[in-house]
Amino acid sequence: MPDHFYVYPAYLSRDRTRAEGRRLPTATVLKDVTVEEIVQAAKRLGYRADAEAGKQYSRDVPSYAGRVKVTKRAGVTKTAFLRAVAVELARVRAQGAAR
């Protein structure tokens, strides 16, 4: 079993449908999520995360938005990780808007 998993920006994008790759409910995700934002949020949550530019998500063939390689933690599922990152992204964007 691999010691990592991949996260594509489409997983956390409000602009996507479930069929297009979104993994969480629209109420919990944001618009225009980038690889860099995901990496920073994962690192703030204590994960080891690396951006892989130029990678293509299979459900978004014409785009090479990249992906994030995240090292797994024992007892934390990919969905739980995505939920935590979505909350962190919303918190950071709210702080940025408040400035």
PDB file of N, CA and C in Angstrom:
ATOM      1  N   MET A   1       0.844  -1.179   0.000  1.00  0.00           N
ATOM      2  CA  MET A   1       0.000   0.000   0.000  1.00  0.00           C
ATOM      3  C   MET A   1       0.887   1.239   0.000  1.00  0.00           C
ATOM      4  N   PRO A   2       0.604   2.200  -0.860  1.00  0.00           N
ATOM      5  CA  PRO A   2       1.440   3.399  -0.923  1.00  0.00           C
ATOM      6  C   PRO A   2       1.391   4.201   0.382  1.00  0.00           C
ATOM      7  N   ASP A   3       2.437   4.962   0.614  1.00  0.00           N
ATOM      8  CA  ASP A   3       2.501   5.788   1.820  1.00  0.00           C
ATOM      9  C   ASP A   3       2.017   7.216   1.561  1.00  0.00           C
ATOM     10  N   HIS A   4       1.389   7.420   0.413  1.00  0.00           N
ATOM     11  CA  HIS A   4       0.917   8.751   0.044  1.00  0.00           C
ATOM     12  C   HIS A   4      -0.390   8.654  -0.753  1.00  0.00           C
ATOM     13  N   PHE A   5      -1.021   9.806  -0.952  1.00  0.00           N
ATOM     14  CA  PHE A   5      -2.158   9.896  -1.860  1.00  0.00           C
ATOM     15  C   PHE A   5      -2.078  11.229  -2.578  1.00  0.00           C
ATOM     16  N   TYR A   6      -2.851  11.343  -3.644  1.00  0.00           N
ATOM     17  CA  TYR A   6      -2.828  12.557  -4.451  1.00  0.00           C
ATOM     18  C   TYR A   6      -4.118  13.345  -4.271  1.00  0.00           C
ATOM     19  N   VAL A   7      -3.984  14.659  -4.321  1.00  0.00           N
ATOM     20  CA  VAL A   7      -5.130  15.557  -4.231  1.00  0.00           C
ATOM     21  C   VAL A   7      -5.060  16.500  -5.426  1.00  0.00           C
ATOM     22  N   TYR A   8      -6.123  16.510  -6.202  1.00  0.00           N
ATOM     23  CA  TYR A   8      -6.239  17.420  -7.341  1.00  0.00           C
ATOM     24  C   TYR A   8      -7.119  18.593  -6.934  1.00  0.00           C
ATOM     25  N   PRO A   9      -6.867  19.792  -7.462  1.00  0.00           N
ATOM     26  CA  PRO A   9      -7.697  20.946  -7.123  1.00  0.00           C
ATOM     27  C   PRO A   9      -9.189  20.715  -7.390  1.00  0.00           C
ATOM     28  N   ALA A  10      -9.516  19.912  -8.361  1.00  0.00           N
ATOM     29  CA  ALA A  10     -10.925  19.627  -8.683  1.00  0.00           C
ATOM     30  C   ALA A  10     -11.651  18.985  -7.504  1.00  0.00           C
ATOM     31  N   TYR A  11     -10.939  18.267  -6.641  1.00  0.00           N
ATOM     32  CA  TYR A  11     -11.565  17.628  -5.481  1.00  0.00           C
ATOM     33  C   TYR A  11     -12.220  18.658  -4.560  1.00  0.00           C
ATOM     34  N   LEU A  12     -11.660  19.863  -4.527  1.00  0.00           N
ATOM     35  CA  LEU A  12     -12.089  20.895  -3.571  1.00  0.00           C
ATOM     36  C   LEU A  12     -12.690  22.116  -4.252  1.00  0.00           C
ATOM     37  N   SER A  13     -13.113  21.969  -5.504  1.00  0.00           N
ATOM     38  CA  SER A  13     -13.599  23.106  -6.277  1.00  0.00           C
ATOM     39  C   SER A  13     -15.117  23.166  -6.336  1.00  0.00           C
ATOM     40  N   ARG A  14     -15.660  24.276  -5.926  1.00  0.00           N
ATOM     41  CA  ARG A  14     -17.110  24.491  -5.962  1.00  0.00           C
ATOM     42  C   ARG A  14     -17.624  24.528  -7.403  1.00  0.00           C
ATOM     43  N   ASP A  15     -16.767  24.831  -8.345  1.00  0.00           N
ATOM     44  CA  ASP A  15     -17.155  24.924  -9.749  1.00  0.00           C
ATOM     45  C   ASP A  15     -17.382  23.556 -10.390  1.00  0.00           C
ATOM     46  N   ARG A  16     -17.042  22.503  -9.698  1.00  0.00           N
ATOM     47  CA  ARG A  16     -17.163  21.143 -10.232  1.00  0.00           C
ATOM     48  C   ARG A  16     -18.367  20.426  -9.641  1.00  0.00           C
ATOM     49  N   THR A  17     -18.892  19.470 -10.400  1.00  0.00           N
ATOM     50  CA  THR A  17     -19.932  18.588  -9.886  1.00  0.00           C
ATOM     51  C   THR A  17     -19.248  17.338  -9.349  1.00  0.00           C
ATOM     52  N   ARG A  18     -20.010  16.489  -8.690  1.00  0.00           N
ATOM     53  CA  ARG A  18     -19.440  15.219  -8.225  1.00  0.00           C
ATOM     54  C   ARG A  18     -18.941  14.404  -9.415  1.00  0.00           C
ATOM     55  N   ALA A  19     -19.696  14.412 -10.506  1.00  0.00           N
ATOM     56  CA  ALA A  19     -19.296  13.671 -11.701  1.00  0.00           C
ATOM     57  C   ALA A  19     -18.006  14.213 -12.304  1.00  0.00           C
ATOM     58  N   GLU A  20     -17.747  15.492 -12.091  1.00  0.00           N
ATOM     59  CA  GLU A  20     -16.528  16.114 -12.605  1.00  0.00           C
ATOM     60  C   GLU A  20     -15.359  16.002 -11.634  1.00  0.00           C
ATOM     61  N   GLY A  21     -15.580  15.361 -10.491  1.00  0.00           N
ATOM     62  CA  GLY A  21     -14.466  15.081  -9.602  1.00  0.00           C
ATOM     63  C   GLY A  21     -14.493  15.704  -8.229  1.00  0.00           C
ATOM     64  N   ARG A  22     -15.481  16.565  -7.942  1.00  0.00           N
ATOM     65  CA  ARG A  22     -15.534  17.150  -6.596  1.00  0.00           C
ATOM     66  C   ARG A  22     -15.800  16.046  -5.591  1.00  0.00           C
ATOM     67  N   ARG A  23     -15.111  16.070  -4.452  1.00  0.00           N
ATOM     68  CA  ARG A  23     -15.225  14.997  -3.469  1.00  0.00           C
ATOM     69  C   ARG A  23     -16.021  15.365  -2.227  1.00  0.00           C
ATOM     70  N   LEU A  24     -16.287  16.656  -2.024  1.00  0.00           N
ATOM     71  CA  LEU A  24     -16.990  17.116  -0.825  1.00  0.00           C
ATOM     72  C   LEU A  24     -18.240  17.896  -1.219  1.00  0.00           C
ATOM     73  N   PRO A  25     -19.183  18.085  -0.287  1.00  0.00           N
ATOM     74  CA  PRO A  25     -20.377  18.887  -0.581  1.00  0.00           C
ATOM     75  C   PRO A  25     -20.002  20.329  -0.941  1.00  0.00           C
ATOM     76  N   THR A  26     -20.801  20.944  -1.796  1.00  0.00           N
ATOM     77  CA  THR A  26     -20.496  22.309  -2.240  1.00  0.00           C
ATOM     78  C   THR A  26     -20.455  23.308  -1.092  1.00  0.00           C
ATOM     79  N   ALA A  27     -21.177  23.054  -0.028  1.00  0.00           N
ATOM     80  CA  ALA A  27     -21.188  23.978   1.111  1.00  0.00           C
ATOM     81  C   ALA A  27     -19.837  24.035   1.822  1.00  0.00           C
ATOM     82  N   THR A  28     -18.996  23.034   1.632  1.00  0.00           N
ATOM     83  CA  THR A  28     -17.729  22.987   2.354  1.00  0.00           C
ATOM     84  C   THR A  28     -16.515  23.333   1.500  1.00  0.00           C
ATOM     85  N   VAL A  29     -16.706  23.543   0.192  1.00  0.00           N
ATOM     86  CA  VAL A  29     -15.571  23.810  -0.693  1.00  0.00           C
ATOM     87  C   VAL A  29     -15.623  25.241  -1.226  1.00  0.00           C
ATOM     88  N   LEU A  30     -14.548  25.649  -1.903  1.00  0.00           N
ATOM     89  CA  LEU A  30     -14.395  27.024  -2.380  1.00  0.00           C
ATOM     90  C   LEU A  30     -14.240  27.070  -3.895  1.00  0.00           C
ATOM     91  N   LYS A  31     -14.316  28.263  -4.438  1.00  0.00           N
ATOM     92  CA  LYS A  31     -14.072  28.454  -5.869  1.00  0.00           C
ATOM     93  C   LYS A  31     -12.587  28.641  -6.118  1.00  0.00           C
ATOM     94  N   ASP A  32     -12.152  28.195  -7.274  1.00  0.00           N
ATOM     95  CA  ASP A  32     -10.789  28.433  -7.757  1.00  0.00           C
ATOM     96  C   ASP A  32      -9.694  28.027  -6.773  1.00  0.00           C
ATOM     97  N   VAL A  33      -9.751  26.825  -6.292  1.00  0.00           N
ATOM     98  CA  VAL A  33      -8.712  26.311  -5.397  1.00  0.00           C
ATOM     99  C   VAL A  33      -7.483  25.958  -6.235  1.00  0.00           C
ATOM    100  N   THR A  34      -6.303  26.330  -5.739  1.00  0.00           N
ATOM    101  CA  THR A  34      -5.064  26.069  -6.463  1.00  0.00           C
ATOM    102  C   THR A  34      -4.224  25.016  -5.748  1.00  0.00           C
ATOM    103  N   VAL A  35      -3.281  24.468  -6.473  1.00  0.00           N
ATOM    104  CA  VAL A  35      -2.350  23.488  -5.904  1.00  0.00           C
ATOM    105  C   VAL A  35      -1.568  24.128  -4.761  1.00  0.00           C
ATOM    106  N   GLU A  36      -1.137  25.360  -4.946  1.00  0.00           N
ATOM    107  CA  GLU A  36      -0.347  26.041  -3.924  1.00  0.00           C
ATOM    108  C   GLU A  36      -1.138  26.224  -2.630  1.00  0.00           C
ATOM    109  N   GLU A  37      -2.420  26.555  -2.750  1.00  0.00           N
ATOM    110  CA  GLU A  37      -3.258  26.696  -1.559  1.00  0.00           C
ATOM    111  C   GLU A  37      -3.403  25.364  -0.830  1.00  0.00           C
ATOM    112  N   ILE A  38      -3.558  24.292  -1.573  1.00  0.00           N
ATOM    113  CA  ILE A  38      -3.696  22.973  -0.955  1.00  0.00           C
ATOM    114  C   ILE A  38      -2.411  22.590  -0.229  1.00  0.00           C
ATOM    115  N   VAL A  39      -1.274  22.841  -0.861  1.00  0.00           N
ATOM    116  CA  VAL A  39       0.022  22.526  -0.228  1.00  0.00           C
ATOM    117  C   VAL A  39       0.180  23.311   1.072  1.00  0.00           C
ATOM    118  N   GLN A  40      -0.106  24.608   1.045  1.00  0.00           N
ATOM    119  CA  GLN A  40       0.040  25.434   2.243  1.00  0.00           C
ATOM    120  C   GLN A  40      -0.916  24.988   3.350  1.00  0.00           C
ATOM    121  N   ALA A  41      -2.151  24.669   2.994  1.00  0.00           N
ATOM    122  CA  ALA A  41      -3.121  24.215   3.996  1.00  0.00           C
ATOM    123  C   ALA A  41      -2.682  22.886   4.602  1.00  0.00           C
ATOM    124  N   ALA A  42      -2.207  21.975   3.772  1.00  0.00           N
ATOM    125  CA  ALA A  42      -1.745  20.672   4.275  1.00  0.00           C
ATOM    126  C   ALA A  42      -0.559  20.852   5.220  1.00  0.00           C
ATOM    127  N   LYS A  43       0.352  21.720   4.870  1.00  0.00           N
ATOM    128  CA  LYS A  43       1.517  21.958   5.726  1.00  0.00           C
ATOM    129  C   LYS A  43       1.114  22.598   7.051  1.00  0.00           C
ATOM    130  N   ARG A  44       0.136  23.524   7.017  1.00  0.00           N
ATOM    131  CA  ARG A  44      -0.343  24.127   8.261  1.00  0.00           C
ATOM    132  C   ARG A  44      -1.012  23.086   9.154  1.00  0.00           C
ATOM    133  N   LEU A  45      -1.570  22.046   8.543  1.00  0.00           N
ATOM    134  CA  LEU A  45      -2.199  20.967   9.309  1.00  0.00           C
ATOM    135  C   LEU A  45      -1.193  19.903   9.744  1.00  0.00           C
ATOM    136  N   GLY A  46       0.078  20.091   9.385  1.00  0.00           N
ATOM    137  CA  GLY A  46       1.128  19.189   9.830  1.00  0.00           C
ATOM    138  C   GLY A  46       1.431  18.024   8.904  1.00  0.00           C
ATOM    139  N   TYR A  47       0.961  18.087   7.677  1.00  0.00           N
ATOM    140  CA  TYR A  47       1.229  17.025   6.710  1.00  0.00           C
ATOM    141  C   TYR A  47       2.425  17.398   5.847  1.00  0.00           C
ATOM    142  N   ARG A  48       3.066  16.379   5.306  1.00  0.00           N
ATOM    143  CA  ARG A  48       4.116  16.607   4.319  1.00  0.00           C
ATOM    144  C   ARG A  48       3.434  16.603   2.960  1.00  0.00           C
ATOM    145  N   ALA A  49       3.520  17.706   2.235  1.00  0.00           N
ATOM    146  CA  ALA A  49       2.837  17.841   0.954  1.00  0.00           C
ATOM    147  C   ALA A  49       3.771  18.488  -0.064  1.00  0.00           C
ATOM    148  N   ASP A  50       3.758  17.943  -1.272  1.00  0.00           N
ATOM    149  CA  ASP A  50       4.589  18.458  -2.351  1.00  0.00           C
ATOM    150  C   ASP A  50       3.736  18.691  -3.589  1.00  0.00           C
ATOM    151  N   ALA A  51       3.921  19.841  -4.224  1.00  0.00           N
ATOM    152  CA  ALA A  51       3.199  20.155  -5.460  1.00  0.00           C
ATOM    153  C   ALA A  51       3.870  19.436  -6.619  1.00  0.00           C
ATOM    154  N   GLU A  52       3.058  18.912  -7.515  1.00  0.00           N
ATOM    155  CA  GLU A  52       3.547  18.294  -8.743  1.00  0.00           C
ATOM    156  C   GLU A  52       2.895  19.032  -9.911  1.00  0.00           C
ATOM    157  N   ALA A  53       3.620  19.985 -10.463  1.00  0.00           N
ATOM    158  CA  ALA A  53       3.090  20.815 -11.546  1.00  0.00           C
ATOM    159  C   ALA A  53       2.972  19.999 -12.833  1.00  0.00           C
ATOM    160  N   GLY A  54       2.042  20.418 -13.664  1.00  0.00           N
ATOM    161  CA  GLY A  54       1.903  19.801 -14.976  1.00  0.00           C
ATOM    162  C   GLY A  54       1.236  18.447 -14.988  1.00  0.00           C
ATOM    163  N   LYS A  55       0.671  18.017 -13.889  1.00  0.00           N
ATOM    164  CA  LYS A  55      -0.030  16.737 -13.845  1.00  0.00           C
ATOM    165  C   LYS A  55      -1.486  16.957 -14.234  1.00  0.00           C
ATOM    166  N   GLN A  56      -2.063  15.955 -14.862  1.00  0.00           N
ATOM    167  CA  GLN A  56      -3.413  16.071 -15.401  1.00  0.00           C
ATOM    168  C   GLN A  56      -4.378  15.169 -14.652  1.00  0.00           C
ATOM    169  N   TYR A  57      -5.507  15.742 -14.245  1.00  0.00           N
ATOM    170  CA  TYR A  57      -6.565  14.973 -13.616  1.00  0.00           C
ATOM    171  C   TYR A  57      -7.366  14.300 -14.726  1.00  0.00           C
ATOM    172  N   SER A  58      -7.636  13.023 -14.589  1.00  0.00           N
ATOM    173  CA  SER A  58      -8.263  12.258 -15.665  1.00  0.00           C
ATOM    174  C   SER A  58      -9.655  12.765 -16.048  1.00  0.00           C
ATOM    175  N   ARG A  59     -10.356  13.418 -15.139  1.00  0.00           N
ATOM    176  CA  ARG A  59     -11.683  13.947 -15.456  1.00  0.00           C
ATOM    177  C   ARG A  59     -11.624  15.369 -16.022  1.00  0.00           C
ATOM    178  N   ASP A  60     -10.428  15.906 -16.152  1.00  0.00           N
ATOM    179  CA  ASP A  60     -10.235  17.256 -16.680  1.00  0.00           C
ATOM    180  C   ASP A  60      -9.123  17.211 -17.721  1.00  0.00           C
ATOM    181  N   VAL A  61      -9.390  16.502 -18.808  1.00  0.00           N
ATOM    182  CA  VAL A  61      -8.362  16.183 -19.796  1.00  0.00           C
ATOM    183  C   VAL A  61      -7.639  17.384 -20.389  1.00  0.00           C
ATOM    184  N   PRO A  62      -8.288  18.471 -20.772  1.00  0.00           N
ATOM    185  CA  PRO A  62      -7.507  19.529 -21.416  1.00  0.00           C
ATOM    186  C   PRO A  62      -6.644  20.358 -20.464  1.00  0.00           C
ATOM    187  N   SER A  63      -6.786  20.180 -19.163  1.00  0.00           N
ATOM    188  CA  SER A  63      -6.092  21.026 -18.193  1.00  0.00           C
ATOM    189  C   SER A  63      -4.963  20.272 -17.483  1.00  0.00           C
ATOM    190  N   TYR A  64      -3.863  20.973 -17.273  1.00  0.00           N
ATOM    191  CA  TYR A  64      -2.741  20.433 -16.507  1.00  0.00           C
ATOM    192  C   TYR A  64      -2.544  21.287 -15.258  1.00  0.00           C
ATOM    193  N   ALA A  65      -3.534  21.273 -14.379  1.00  0.00           N
ATOM    194  CA  ALA A  65      -3.523  22.122 -13.185  1.00  0.00           C
ATOM    195  C   ALA A  65      -2.539  21.640 -12.125  1.00  0.00           C
ATOM    196  N   GLY A  66      -2.079  20.408 -12.226  1.00  0.00           N
ATOM    197  CA  GLY A  66      -1.161  19.865 -11.239  1.00  0.00           C
ATOM    198  C   GLY A  66      -1.898  19.085 -10.165  1.00  0.00           C
ATOM    199  N   ARG A  67      -1.120  18.556  -9.219  1.00  0.00           N
ATOM    200  CA  ARG A  67      -1.681  17.801  -8.107  1.00  0.00           C
ATOM    201  C   ARG A  67      -0.758  17.935  -6.913  1.00  0.00           C
ATOM    202  N   VAL A  68      -1.249  17.480  -5.770  1.00  0.00           N
ATOM    203  CA  VAL A  68      -0.471  17.537  -4.530  1.00  0.00           C
ATOM    204  C   VAL A  68      -0.276  16.110  -4.035  1.00  0.00           C
ATOM    205  N   LYS A  69       0.963  15.774  -3.739  1.00  0.00           N
ATOM    206  CA  LYS A  69       1.294  14.469  -3.172  1.00  0.00           C
ATOM    207  C   LYS A  69       1.391  14.643  -1.663  1.00  0.00           C
ATOM    208  N   VAL A  70       0.534  13.927  -0.929  1.00  0.00           N
ATOM    209  CA  VAL A  70       0.444  14.072   0.527  1.00  0.00           C
ATOM    210  C   VAL A  70       0.842  12.759   1.180  1.00  0.00           C
ATOM    211  N   THR A  71       1.727  12.833   2.156  1.00  0.00           N
ATOM    212  CA  THR A  71       2.122  11.644   2.907  1.00  0.00           C
ATOM    213  C   THR A  71       1.006  11.280   3.879  1.00  0.00           C
ATOM    214  N   LYS A  72       0.640  10.000   3.875  1.00  0.00           N
ATOM    215  CA  LYS A  72      -0.458   9.522   4.717  1.00  0.00           C
ATOM    216  C   LYS A  72      -0.084   9.553   6.192  1.00  0.00           C
ATOM    217  N   ARG A  73      -1.117   9.616   7.021  1.00  0.00           N
ATOM    218  CA  ARG A  73      -0.979   9.462   8.472  1.00  0.00           C
ATOM    219  C   ARG A  73      -1.840   8.283   8.889  1.00  0.00           C
ATOM    220  N   ALA A  74      -1.388   7.560   9.885  1.00  0.00           N
ATOM    221  CA  ALA A  74      -2.149   6.420  10.391  1.00  0.00           C
ATOM    222  C   ALA A  74      -3.497   6.888  10.934  1.00  0.00           C
ATOM    223  N   GLY A  75      -4.559   6.216  10.523  1.00  0.00           N
ATOM    224  CA  GLY A  75      -5.882   6.506  11.049  1.00  0.00           C
ATOM    225  C   GLY A  75      -6.607   7.670  10.406  1.00  0.00           C
ATOM    226  N   VAL A  76      -6.004   8.324   9.412  1.00  0.00           N
ATOM    227  CA  VAL A  76      -6.645   9.460   8.748  1.00  0.00           C
ATOM    228  C   VAL A  76      -6.965   9.058   7.307  1.00  0.00           C
ATOM    229  N   THR A  77      -8.235   9.099   6.969  1.00  0.00           N
ATOM    230  CA  THR A  77      -8.642   8.749   5.613  1.00  0.00           C
ATOM    231  C   THR A  77      -8.439   9.943   4.676  1.00  0.00           C
ATOM    232  N   LYS A  78      -8.478   9.655   3.399  1.00  0.00           N
ATOM    233  CA  LYS A  78      -8.342  10.726   2.411  1.00  0.00           C
ATOM    234  C   LYS A  78      -9.500  11.718   2.540  1.00  0.00           C
ATOM    235  N   THR A  79     -10.699  11.213   2.753  1.00  0.00           N
ATOM    236  CA  THR A  79     -11.863  12.092   2.913  1.00  0.00           C
ATOM    237  C   THR A  79     -11.726  12.973   4.141  1.00  0.00           C
ATOM    238  N   ALA A  80     -11.254  12.428   5.242  1.00  0.00           N
ATOM    239  CA  ALA A  80     -11.041  13.227   6.457  1.00  0.00           C
ATOM    240  C   ALA A  80      -9.992  14.303   6.201  1.00  0.00           C
ATOM    241  N   PHE A  81      -8.952  13.949   5.469  1.00  0.00           N
ATOM    242  CA  PHE A  81      -7.929  14.935   5.106  1.00  0.00           C
ATOM    243  C   PHE A  81      -8.538  16.048   4.256  1.00  0.00           C
ATOM    244  N   LEU A  82      -9.331  15.679   3.249  1.00  0.00           N
ATOM    245  CA  LEU A  82      -9.952  16.676   2.376  1.00  0.00           C
ATOM    246  C   LEU A  82     -10.862  17.618   3.158  1.00  0.00           C
ATOM    247  N   ARG A  83     -11.614  17.074   4.104  1.00  0.00           N
ATOM    248  CA  ARG A  83     -12.485  17.912   4.941  1.00  0.00           C
ATOM    249  C   ARG A  83     -11.658  18.907   5.748  1.00  0.00           C
ATOM    250  N   ALA A  84     -10.569  18.435   6.342  1.00  0.00           N
ATOM    251  CA  ALA A  84      -9.712  19.308   7.145  1.00  0.00           C
ATOM    252  C   ALA A  84      -9.081  20.399   6.284  1.00  0.00           C
ATOM    253  N   VAL A  85      -8.645  20.050   5.086  1.00  0.00           N
ATOM    254  CA  VAL A  85      -8.049  21.038   4.186  1.00  0.00           C
ATOM    255  C   VAL A  85      -9.092  22.063   3.758  1.00  0.00           C
ATOM    256  N   ALA A  86     -10.310  21.620   3.469  1.00  0.00           N
ATOM    257  CA  ALA A  86     -11.377  22.542   3.077  1.00  0.00           C
ATOM    258  C   ALA A  86     -11.660  23.554   4.186  1.00  0.00           C
ATOM    259  N   VAL A  87     -11.690  23.096   5.421  1.00  0.00           N
ATOM    260  CA  VAL A  87     -11.913  23.999   6.557  1.00  0.00           C
ATOM    261  C   VAL A  87     -10.753  24.984   6.686  1.00  0.00           C
ATOM    262  N   GLU A  88      -9.543  24.502   6.526  1.00  0.00           N
ATOM    263  CA  GLU A  88      -8.357  25.361   6.623  1.00  0.00           C
ATOM    264  C   GLU A  88      -8.335  26.397   5.498  1.00  0.00           C
ATOM    265  N   LEU A  89      -8.668  25.990   4.293  1.00  0.00           N
ATOM    266  CA  LEU A  89      -8.713  26.929   3.165  1.00  0.00           C
ATOM    267  C   LEU A  89      -9.746  28.021   3.407  1.00  0.00           C
ATOM    268  N   ALA A  90     -10.915  27.646   3.895  1.00  0.00           N
ATOM    269  CA  ALA A  90     -11.972  28.622   4.179  1.00  0.00           C
ATOM    270  C   ALA A  90     -11.520  29.593   5.270  1.00  0.00           C
ATOM    271  N   ARG A  91     -10.830  29.082   6.290  1.00  0.00           N
ATOM    272  CA  ARG A  91     -10.345  29.932   7.389  1.00  0.00           C
ATOM    273  C   ARG A  91      -9.317  30.943   6.872  1.00  0.00           C
ATOM    274  N   VAL A  92      -8.384  30.475   6.057  1.00  0.00           N
ATOM    275  CA  VAL A  92      -7.332  31.351   5.529  1.00  0.00           C
ATOM    276  C   VAL A  92      -7.906  32.410   4.591  1.00  0.00           C
ATOM    277  N   ARG A  93      -8.835  31.996   3.729  1.00  0.00           N
ATOM    278  CA  ARG A  93      -9.446  32.977   2.821  1.00  0.00           C
ATOM    279  C   ARG A  93     -10.275  34.003   3.586  1.00  0.00           C
ATOM    280  N   ALA A  94     -10.942  33.575   4.646  1.00  0.00           N
ATOM    281  CA  ALA A  94     -11.734  34.511   5.465  1.00  0.00           C
ATOM    282  C   ALA A  94     -10.811  35.526   6.146  1.00  0.00           C
ATOM    283  N   GLN A  95      -9.670  35.075   6.619  1.00  0.00           N
ATOM    284  CA  GLN A  95      -8.709  35.991   7.245  1.00  0.00           C
ATOM    285  C   GLN A  95      -8.170  36.978   6.226  1.00  0.00           C
ATOM    286  N   GLY A  96      -7.909  36.498   5.011  1.00  0.00           N
ATOM    287  CA  GLY A  96      -7.408  37.371   3.950  1.00  0.00           C
ATOM    288  C   GLY A  96      -8.424  38.415   3.545  1.00  0.00           C
ATOM    289  N   ALA A  97      -9.696  38.051   3.553  1.00  0.00           N
ATOM    290  CA  ALA A  97     -10.762  38.989   3.187  1.00  0.00           C
ATOM    291  C   ALA A  97     -10.989  40.017   4.281  1.00  0.00           C
ATOM    292  N   ALA A  98     -10.683  39.639   5.520  1.00  0.00           N
ATOM    293  CA  ALA A  98     -10.909  40.539   6.664  1.00  0.00           C
ATOM    294  C   ALA A  98      -9.837  41.622   6.746  1.00  0.00           C
ATOM    295  N   ARG A  99      -8.741  41.427   6.070  1.00  0.00           N
ATOM    296  CA  ARG A  99      -7.636  42.401   6.152  1.00  0.00           C
ATOM    297  C   ARG A  99      -7.891  43.622   5.378  1.00  0.00           C
TER     298      ARG A  99
END
